[in-house]
Amino acid sequence: MPDVISDTSLIQYLFQVGLLDLLFTLYEEITVPEAVAHELADGLDHGVDLPSAEAMSRFNVRAAPIVRIRELSPSLGKGEREVLALACDSPGCLVLLDDALARLHARQMGLRLTGTLGILLKAKQSGLLIEIRPILDKLETKGFRLDKRTRAAVMKLAQEL
């Protein structure tokens, strides 16, 4: 059973700010569904700043159960649907999602979840990061959407206000 099942965006953003290794420091096994592995490979082929095939070899790539995928909303992306499908068959795992709709579905399904910001907070609480503020600034330059209220809440939790 995987400890963690991750969607694409979290891997992309942590990689782009040079913090992908946080995942492997915080969690023993990180699984990605095949759709996520394909999204990352396709993005890399199109020149997006993403982990190389060598870096991706650290992830456990698994096929999601087709029956579970069919049960999920078609309004979700393929990677998100496969993450949720795998999570349904992996009781107790932690799901890593940033997309608001996917997070809503995960909550409705009773799954444990966090996202990029949660990983950064956990890393700070674990002493792996000294400060989150410059990372948030860098994430925003990479296209990470972060509204002012969420940013303020994260800064408060990080005790950086």
N, C-alpha and C. Protein backbone atom coordinates (compact mmCIF):
# COMPACT_ATOMS: atom_id res chain seq x y z
N MET A 1 0.84 -1.19 0.00
CA MET A 1 0.00 0.00 0.00
C MET A 1 0.88 1.25 0.00
N PRO A 2 0.63 2.16 -0.91
CA PRO A 2 1.46 3.37 -0.96
C PRO A 2 1.18 4.30 0.23
N ASP A 3 2.23 4.97 0.68
CA ASP A 3 2.09 6.00 1.72
C ASP A 3 1.38 7.21 1.15
N VAL A 4 1.81 7.61 -0.07
CA VAL A 4 1.37 8.85 -0.68
C VAL A 4 1.09 8.59 -2.16
N ILE A 5 0.01 9.22 -2.66
CA ILE A 5 -0.31 9.16 -4.08
C ILE A 5 -0.40 10.60 -4.57
N SER A 6 0.42 10.96 -5.54
CA SER A 6 0.53 12.35 -5.96
C SER A 6 -0.01 12.60 -7.36
N ASP A 7 -0.59 13.80 -7.50
CA ASP A 7 -1.01 14.31 -8.80
C ASP A 7 0.16 15.09 -9.41
N THR A 8 -0.02 15.54 -10.62
CA THR A 8 1.02 16.19 -11.41
C THR A 8 1.49 17.53 -10.84
N SER A 9 0.56 18.41 -10.52
CA SER A 9 0.93 19.79 -10.19
C SER A 9 1.88 19.88 -9.01
N LEU A 10 1.65 19.06 -7.99
CA LEU A 10 2.52 19.11 -6.82
C LEU A 10 3.96 18.76 -7.19
N ILE A 11 4.13 17.74 -7.98
CA ILE A 11 5.47 17.34 -8.43
C ILE A 11 6.09 18.45 -9.27
N GLN A 12 5.30 18.99 -10.19
CA GLN A 12 5.78 20.06 -11.06
C GLN A 12 6.27 21.25 -10.25
N TYR A 13 5.44 21.76 -9.35
CA TYR A 13 5.82 22.97 -8.63
C TYR A 13 6.97 22.74 -7.66
N LEU A 14 6.97 21.62 -6.95
CA LEU A 14 8.11 21.37 -6.05
C LEU A 14 9.40 21.24 -6.85
N PHE A 15 9.34 20.59 -8.00
CA PHE A 15 10.52 20.48 -8.85
C PHE A 15 10.99 21.85 -9.31
N GLN A 16 10.05 22.68 -9.76
CA GLN A 16 10.41 23.98 -10.32
C GLN A 16 11.01 24.94 -9.29
N VAL A 17 10.74 24.72 -8.02
CA VAL A 17 11.37 25.56 -6.99
C VAL A 17 12.51 24.82 -6.29
N GLY A 18 12.94 23.70 -6.88
CA GLY A 18 14.10 22.98 -6.36
C GLY A 18 13.86 22.21 -5.08
N LEU A 19 12.60 21.82 -4.81
CA LEU A 19 12.28 21.16 -3.55
C LEU A 19 11.62 19.80 -3.71
N LEU A 20 11.78 19.16 -4.86
CA LEU A 20 11.16 17.86 -5.07
C LEU A 20 11.64 16.83 -4.05
N ASP A 21 12.89 16.94 -3.63
CA ASP A 21 13.43 15.98 -2.67
C ASP A 21 12.71 16.00 -1.32
N LEU A 22 11.99 17.09 -1.04
CA LEU A 22 11.20 17.12 0.20
C LEU A 22 10.24 15.94 0.28
N LEU A 23 9.64 15.61 -0.85
CA LEU A 23 8.70 14.48 -0.85
C LEU A 23 9.36 13.20 -0.37
N PHE A 24 10.57 12.97 -0.85
CA PHE A 24 11.27 11.72 -0.52
C PHE A 24 11.87 11.76 0.88
N THR A 25 12.02 12.94 1.43
CA THR A 25 12.48 13.07 2.81
C THR A 25 11.29 12.86 3.77
N LEU A 26 10.14 13.38 3.39
CA LEU A 26 8.97 13.32 4.26
C LEU A 26 8.23 11.98 4.19
N TYR A 27 8.29 11.31 3.04
CA TYR A 27 7.49 10.10 2.84
C TYR A 27 8.34 8.97 2.29
N GLU A 28 8.04 7.77 2.73
CA GLU A 28 8.83 6.61 2.34
C GLU A 28 8.57 6.19 0.89
N GLU A 29 7.30 6.13 0.52
CA GLU A 29 6.96 5.68 -0.84
C GLU A 29 5.98 6.67 -1.46
N ILE A 30 6.29 7.12 -2.65
CA ILE A 30 5.41 8.04 -3.37
C ILE A 30 5.00 7.38 -4.67
N THR A 31 3.70 7.22 -4.80
CA THR A 31 3.14 6.58 -5.98
C THR A 31 2.49 7.63 -6.87
N VAL A 32 2.63 7.45 -8.17
CA VAL A 32 1.89 8.26 -9.14
C VAL A 32 1.17 7.29 -10.07
N PRO A 33 -0.06 7.65 -10.44
CA PRO A 33 -0.73 6.81 -11.43
C PRO A 33 -0.11 7.00 -12.80
N GLU A 34 -0.39 6.07 -13.69
CA GLU A 34 0.18 6.13 -15.04
C GLU A 34 -0.14 7.45 -15.74
N ALA A 35 -1.35 7.96 -15.54
CA ALA A 35 -1.72 9.22 -16.22
C ALA A 35 -0.83 10.37 -15.78
N VAL A 36 -0.46 10.41 -14.51
CA VAL A 36 0.42 11.47 -14.01
C VAL A 36 1.81 11.31 -14.61
N ALA A 37 2.32 10.09 -14.65
CA ALA A 37 3.63 9.85 -15.26
C ALA A 37 3.62 10.30 -16.72
N HIS A 38 2.52 10.02 -17.44
CA HIS A 38 2.41 10.43 -18.84
C HIS A 38 2.33 11.96 -18.97
N GLU A 39 1.55 12.60 -18.09
CA GLU A 39 1.45 14.07 -18.13
C GLU A 39 2.82 14.71 -17.93
N LEU A 40 3.58 14.18 -16.99
CA LEU A 40 4.91 14.74 -16.72
C LEU A 40 5.85 14.50 -17.89
N ALA A 41 5.82 13.31 -18.46
CA ALA A 41 6.68 13.00 -19.62
C ALA A 41 6.30 13.86 -20.82
N ASP A 42 5.00 14.02 -21.06
CA ASP A 42 4.54 14.86 -22.19
C ASP A 42 4.97 16.31 -21.99
N GLY A 43 4.82 16.81 -20.78
CA GLY A 43 5.23 18.19 -20.49
C GLY A 43 6.72 18.38 -20.71
N LEU A 44 7.49 17.42 -20.27
CA LEU A 44 8.95 17.48 -20.45
C LEU A 44 9.28 17.48 -21.94
N ASP A 45 8.59 16.64 -22.71
CA ASP A 45 8.80 16.60 -24.17
C ASP A 45 8.47 17.93 -24.84
N HIS A 46 7.56 18.69 -24.23
CA HIS A 46 7.15 19.99 -24.78
C HIS A 46 7.91 21.16 -24.17
N GLY A 47 8.99 20.85 -23.47
CA GLY A 47 9.86 21.90 -22.96
C GLY A 47 9.48 22.50 -21.62
N VAL A 48 8.51 21.92 -20.92
CA VAL A 48 8.14 22.40 -19.59
C VAL A 48 9.21 21.94 -18.61
N ASP A 49 9.54 22.79 -17.65
CA ASP A 49 10.55 22.48 -16.63
C ASP A 49 9.98 21.44 -15.67
N LEU A 50 10.28 20.16 -15.94
CA LEU A 50 9.76 19.04 -15.16
C LEU A 50 10.88 18.04 -14.90
N PRO A 51 10.67 17.13 -13.94
CA PRO A 51 11.71 16.14 -13.65
C PRO A 51 12.01 15.25 -14.86
N SER A 52 13.25 14.87 -14.97
CA SER A 52 13.68 13.97 -16.04
C SER A 52 13.17 12.57 -15.76
N ALA A 53 13.28 11.70 -16.77
CA ALA A 53 12.89 10.30 -16.61
C ALA A 53 13.67 9.67 -15.46
N GLU A 54 14.94 10.05 -15.33
CA GLU A 54 15.77 9.51 -14.25
C GLU A 54 15.21 9.92 -12.88
N ALA A 55 14.85 11.19 -12.74
CA ALA A 55 14.26 11.66 -11.48
C ALA A 55 12.92 10.98 -11.22
N MET A 56 12.15 10.75 -12.28
CA MET A 56 10.84 10.11 -12.13
C MET A 56 10.97 8.65 -11.72
N SER A 57 12.14 8.05 -11.92
CA SER A 57 12.32 6.64 -11.55
C SER A 57 12.21 6.43 -10.04
N ARG A 58 12.28 7.50 -9.28
CA ARG A 58 12.13 7.38 -7.82
C ARG A 58 10.68 7.18 -7.40
N PHE A 59 9.75 7.49 -8.30
CA PHE A 59 8.33 7.32 -8.01
C PHE A 59 7.89 5.91 -8.38
N ASN A 60 6.93 5.40 -7.64
CA ASN A 60 6.32 4.12 -7.95
C ASN A 60 5.13 4.41 -8.88
N VAL A 61 5.20 3.97 -10.12
CA VAL A 61 4.12 4.21 -11.08
C VAL A 61 3.19 3.00 -11.07
N ARG A 62 1.89 3.28 -10.86
CA ARG A 62 0.90 2.20 -10.79
C ARG A 62 -0.28 2.49 -11.70
N ALA A 63 -0.86 1.43 -12.20
CA ALA A 63 -2.10 1.55 -12.98
C ALA A 63 -3.27 1.70 -12.02
N ALA A 64 -4.16 2.61 -12.35
CA ALA A 64 -5.36 2.80 -11.53
C ALA A 64 -6.43 1.82 -11.99
N PRO A 65 -7.26 1.34 -11.05
CA PRO A 65 -8.32 0.42 -11.44
C PRO A 65 -9.37 1.10 -12.32
N ILE A 66 -9.58 0.56 -13.50
CA ILE A 66 -10.50 1.13 -14.49
C ILE A 66 -11.91 1.29 -13.91
N VAL A 67 -12.37 0.30 -13.18
CA VAL A 67 -13.72 0.36 -12.62
C VAL A 67 -13.87 1.58 -11.72
N ARG A 68 -12.87 1.86 -10.91
CA ARG A 68 -12.92 3.02 -10.01
C ARG A 68 -12.87 4.33 -10.81
N ILE A 69 -12.08 4.37 -11.85
CA ILE A 69 -11.97 5.58 -12.67
C ILE A 69 -13.33 5.93 -13.26
N ARG A 70 -14.04 4.93 -13.74
CA ARG A 70 -15.36 5.16 -14.36
C ARG A 70 -16.37 5.73 -13.37
N GLU A 71 -16.18 5.47 -12.07
CA GLU A 71 -17.10 5.96 -11.04
C GLU A 71 -16.90 7.44 -10.75
N LEU A 72 -15.78 8.01 -11.19
CA LEU A 72 -15.43 9.38 -10.84
C LEU A 72 -15.89 10.39 -11.89
N SER A 73 -16.07 11.60 -11.45
CA SER A 73 -16.58 12.67 -12.30
C SER A 73 -15.68 12.91 -13.52
N PRO A 74 -16.29 12.97 -14.71
CA PRO A 74 -15.50 13.26 -15.91
C PRO A 74 -15.02 14.72 -15.95
N SER A 75 -15.51 15.55 -15.02
CA SER A 75 -15.05 16.94 -14.98
C SER A 75 -13.65 17.06 -14.38
N LEU A 76 -13.18 15.99 -13.77
CA LEU A 76 -11.81 15.96 -13.25
C LEU A 76 -10.85 15.59 -14.37
N GLY A 77 -9.61 16.03 -14.24
CA GLY A 77 -8.58 15.63 -15.20
C GLY A 77 -8.26 14.15 -15.05
N LYS A 78 -7.68 13.59 -16.08
CA LYS A 78 -7.36 12.15 -16.07
C LYS A 78 -6.42 11.79 -14.91
N GLY A 79 -5.39 12.61 -14.69
CA GLY A 79 -4.47 12.34 -13.60
C GLY A 79 -5.16 12.38 -12.25
N GLU A 80 -6.02 13.37 -12.05
CA GLU A 80 -6.74 13.49 -10.78
C GLU A 80 -7.67 12.31 -10.56
N ARG A 81 -8.36 11.89 -11.62
CA ARG A 81 -9.26 10.73 -11.50
C ARG A 81 -8.47 9.47 -11.14
N GLU A 82 -7.30 9.31 -11.75
CA GLU A 82 -6.49 8.12 -11.44
C GLU A 82 -5.92 8.18 -10.02
N VAL A 83 -5.54 9.38 -9.56
CA VAL A 83 -5.07 9.52 -8.18
C VAL A 83 -6.18 9.09 -7.22
N LEU A 84 -7.38 9.59 -7.43
CA LEU A 84 -8.50 9.26 -6.55
C LEU A 84 -8.86 7.77 -6.64
N ALA A 85 -8.80 7.21 -7.84
CA ALA A 85 -9.10 5.79 -8.00
C ALA A 85 -8.09 4.92 -7.25
N LEU A 86 -6.81 5.26 -7.37
CA LEU A 86 -5.79 4.51 -6.63
C LEU A 86 -5.98 4.66 -5.13
N ALA A 87 -6.33 5.86 -4.70
CA ALA A 87 -6.51 6.11 -3.27
C ALA A 87 -7.66 5.29 -2.70
N CYS A 88 -8.69 5.07 -3.49
CA CYS A 88 -9.82 4.25 -3.03
C CYS A 88 -9.39 2.83 -2.71
N ASP A 89 -8.39 2.36 -3.41
CA ASP A 89 -7.88 1.00 -3.18
C ASP A 89 -6.68 0.97 -2.25
N SER A 90 -6.36 2.09 -1.61
CA SER A 90 -5.19 2.18 -0.72
C SER A 90 -5.60 2.85 0.59
N PRO A 91 -6.36 2.15 1.41
CA PRO A 91 -6.85 2.76 2.65
C PRO A 91 -5.72 3.37 3.49
N GLY A 92 -5.97 4.57 3.99
CA GLY A 92 -5.01 5.23 4.87
C GLY A 92 -3.93 6.02 4.16
N CYS A 93 -3.89 5.96 2.84
CA CYS A 93 -2.85 6.71 2.12
C CYS A 93 -3.15 8.20 2.19
N LEU A 94 -2.15 8.99 1.89
CA LEU A 94 -2.28 10.44 1.81
C LEU A 94 -2.30 10.82 0.34
N VAL A 95 -3.30 11.61 -0.06
CA VAL A 95 -3.44 12.04 -1.44
C VAL A 95 -2.90 13.45 -1.57
N LEU A 96 -2.06 13.68 -2.57
CA LEU A 96 -1.46 14.99 -2.82
C LEU A 96 -2.13 15.62 -4.04
N LEU A 97 -2.96 16.63 -3.78
CA LEU A 97 -3.72 17.30 -4.83
C LEU A 97 -3.73 18.80 -4.58
N ASP A 98 -3.62 19.59 -5.64
CA ASP A 98 -3.76 21.04 -5.54
C ASP A 98 -5.08 21.52 -6.13
N ASP A 99 -5.61 20.83 -7.12
CA ASP A 99 -6.82 21.26 -7.82
C ASP A 99 -8.01 21.28 -6.86
N ALA A 100 -8.73 22.41 -6.83
CA ALA A 100 -9.84 22.59 -5.88
C ALA A 100 -10.95 21.55 -6.08
N LEU A 101 -11.33 21.27 -7.32
CA LEU A 101 -12.40 20.31 -7.56
C LEU A 101 -11.97 18.90 -7.14
N ALA A 102 -10.74 18.54 -7.45
CA ALA A 102 -10.23 17.22 -7.06
C ALA A 102 -10.17 17.11 -5.54
N ARG A 103 -9.78 18.19 -4.87
CA ARG A 103 -9.73 18.18 -3.40
C ARG A 103 -11.14 18.02 -2.82
N LEU A 104 -12.12 18.66 -3.43
CA LEU A 104 -13.51 18.53 -2.99
C LEU A 104 -13.95 17.07 -3.10
N HIS A 105 -13.66 16.44 -4.22
CA HIS A 105 -14.02 15.03 -4.40
C HIS A 105 -13.29 14.15 -3.38
N ALA A 106 -12.03 14.42 -3.13
CA ALA A 106 -11.27 13.64 -2.15
C ALA A 106 -11.90 13.76 -0.77
N ARG A 107 -12.30 14.96 -0.38
CA ARG A 107 -12.95 15.15 0.93
C ARG A 107 -14.27 14.38 0.98
N GLN A 108 -15.05 14.47 -0.09
CA GLN A 108 -16.33 13.76 -0.13
C GLN A 108 -16.13 12.25 -0.04
N MET A 109 -14.99 11.77 -0.51
CA MET A 109 -14.69 10.35 -0.47
C MET A 109 -14.04 9.94 0.85
N GLY A 110 -13.80 10.90 1.73
CA GLY A 110 -13.21 10.62 3.03
C GLY A 110 -11.72 10.33 2.98
N LEU A 111 -11.04 10.83 1.96
CA LEU A 111 -9.60 10.59 1.81
C LEU A 111 -8.79 11.63 2.58
N ARG A 112 -7.66 11.21 3.07
CA ARG A 112 -6.70 12.15 3.68
C ARG A 112 -5.99 12.86 2.53
N LEU A 113 -5.87 14.19 2.64
CA LEU A 113 -5.21 14.90 1.55
C LEU A 113 -4.44 16.10 2.05
N THR A 114 -3.51 16.51 1.21
CA THR A 114 -2.78 17.75 1.38
C THR A 114 -2.35 18.18 -0.02
N GLY A 115 -1.71 19.35 -0.08
CA GLY A 115 -1.24 19.86 -1.36
C GLY A 115 0.15 20.45 -1.22
N THR A 116 0.54 21.21 -2.18
CA THR A 116 1.88 21.81 -2.18
C THR A 116 2.10 22.63 -0.91
N LEU A 117 1.12 23.44 -0.54
CA LEU A 117 1.28 24.29 0.65
C LEU A 117 1.39 23.45 1.91
N GLY A 118 0.61 22.39 1.99
CA GLY A 118 0.69 21.49 3.14
C GLY A 118 2.05 20.81 3.26
N ILE A 119 2.62 20.44 2.11
CA ILE A 119 3.96 19.84 2.11
C ILE A 119 4.99 20.85 2.62
N LEU A 120 4.88 22.10 2.16
CA LEU A 120 5.82 23.12 2.62
C LEU A 120 5.69 23.37 4.12
N LEU A 121 4.46 23.41 4.62
CA LEU A 121 4.25 23.59 6.06
C LEU A 121 4.81 22.42 6.85
N LYS A 122 4.56 21.21 6.39
CA LYS A 122 5.09 20.03 7.08
C LYS A 122 6.63 20.05 7.08
N ALA A 123 7.21 20.45 5.96
CA ALA A 123 8.67 20.52 5.88
C ALA A 123 9.21 21.56 6.85
N LYS A 124 8.53 22.68 6.97
CA LYS A 124 8.98 23.71 7.92
C LYS A 124 8.85 23.20 9.34
N GLN A 125 7.72 22.58 9.67
CA GLN A 125 7.51 22.04 11.01
C GLN A 125 8.52 20.95 11.34
N SER A 126 8.99 20.25 10.32
CA SER A 126 9.98 19.18 10.51
C SER A 126 11.41 19.71 10.54
N GLY A 127 11.59 21.02 10.36
CA GLY A 127 12.91 21.61 10.37
C GLY A 127 13.65 21.50 9.05
N LEU A 128 12.96 21.10 7.98
CA LEU A 128 13.60 20.95 6.68
C LEU A 128 13.66 22.27 5.91
N LEU A 129 12.81 23.21 6.28
CA LEU A 129 12.79 24.55 5.68
C LEU A 129 12.89 25.58 6.79
N ILE A 130 13.61 26.65 6.53
CA ILE A 130 13.73 27.73 7.51
C ILE A 130 12.61 28.74 7.33
N GLU A 131 12.27 29.01 6.05
CA GLU A 131 11.29 30.04 5.76
C GLU A 131 10.47 29.64 4.53
N ILE A 132 9.18 29.91 4.58
CA ILE A 132 8.29 29.57 3.47
C ILE A 132 8.05 30.76 2.55
N ARG A 133 8.09 31.96 3.07
CA ARG A 133 7.76 33.16 2.29
C ARG A 133 8.48 33.22 0.93
N PRO A 134 9.80 33.05 0.87
CA PRO A 134 10.45 33.15 -0.45
C PRO A 134 10.04 32.02 -1.40
N ILE A 135 9.66 30.89 -0.83
CA ILE A 135 9.21 29.78 -1.67
C ILE A 135 7.85 30.12 -2.28
N LEU A 136 6.96 30.71 -1.48
CA LEU A 136 5.66 31.13 -2.00
C LEU A 136 5.84 32.16 -3.11
N ASP A 137 6.77 33.09 -2.91
CA ASP A 137 7.04 34.09 -3.94
C ASP A 137 7.49 33.42 -5.24
N LYS A 138 8.38 32.46 -5.11
CA LYS A 138 8.91 31.77 -6.28
C LYS A 138 7.82 30.92 -6.96
N LEU A 139 6.99 30.26 -6.14
CA LEU A 139 5.89 29.48 -6.70
C LEU A 139 4.96 30.35 -7.54
N GLU A 140 4.66 31.53 -7.04
CA GLU A 140 3.77 32.43 -7.77
C GLU A 140 4.37 32.86 -9.12
N THR A 141 5.69 33.01 -9.17
CA THR A 141 6.32 33.35 -10.45
C THR A 141 6.26 32.19 -11.43
N LYS A 142 6.05 30.98 -10.92
CA LYS A 142 5.94 29.78 -11.76
C LYS A 142 4.50 29.50 -12.17
N GLY A 143 3.57 30.37 -11.74
CA GLY A 143 2.17 30.19 -12.13
C GLY A 143 1.30 29.54 -11.09
N PHE A 144 1.84 29.27 -9.92
CA PHE A 144 1.05 28.69 -8.83
C PHE A 144 0.04 29.73 -8.36
N ARG A 145 -1.24 29.37 -8.38
CA ARG A 145 -2.29 30.31 -7.98
C ARG A 145 -2.48 30.27 -6.47
N LEU A 146 -2.36 31.45 -5.87
CA LEU A 146 -2.44 31.56 -4.42
C LEU A 146 -3.12 32.88 -4.08
N ASP A 147 -4.35 32.79 -3.56
CA ASP A 147 -5.03 34.04 -3.23
C ASP A 147 -4.48 34.60 -1.91
N LYS A 148 -4.76 35.87 -1.67
CA LYS A 148 -4.19 36.59 -0.52
C LYS A 148 -4.59 35.96 0.81
N ARG A 149 -5.84 35.51 0.92
CA ARG A 149 -6.29 34.89 2.19
C ARG A 149 -5.55 33.59 2.47
N THR A 150 -5.40 32.79 1.44
CA THR A 150 -4.70 31.51 1.62
C THR A 150 -3.23 31.77 1.97
N ARG A 151 -2.63 32.71 1.27
CA ARG A 151 -1.23 33.05 1.57
C ARG A 151 -1.09 33.52 3.01
N ALA A 152 -1.99 34.38 3.47
CA ALA A 152 -1.95 34.88 4.84
C ALA A 152 -2.12 33.73 5.84
N ALA A 153 -3.02 32.81 5.54
CA ALA A 153 -3.24 31.67 6.44
C ALA A 153 -1.99 30.79 6.52
N VAL A 154 -1.35 30.57 5.38
CA VAL A 154 -0.13 29.76 5.35
C VAL A 154 0.99 30.46 6.13
N MET A 155 1.12 31.75 5.92
CA MET A 155 2.15 32.51 6.63
C MET A 155 1.91 32.46 8.16
N LYS A 156 0.67 32.52 8.55
CA LYS A 156 0.33 32.44 9.99
C LYS A 156 0.68 31.05 10.53
N LEU A 157 0.29 30.02 9.82
CA LEU A 157 0.62 28.66 10.26
C LEU A 157 2.13 28.43 10.31
N ALA A 158 2.85 29.06 9.40
CA ALA A 158 4.31 28.95 9.36
C ALA A 158 4.98 29.86 10.39
N GLN A 159 4.17 30.66 11.07
CA GLN A 159 4.66 31.63 12.07
C GLN A 159 5.64 32.61 11.44
N GLU A 160 5.25 33.12 10.26
CA GLU A 160 6.09 34.06 9.54
C GLU A 160 5.40 35.41 9.33
N LEU A 161 4.37 35.70 10.10
CA LEU A 161 3.68 37.00 9.97
C LEU A 161 4.36 38.05 10.80
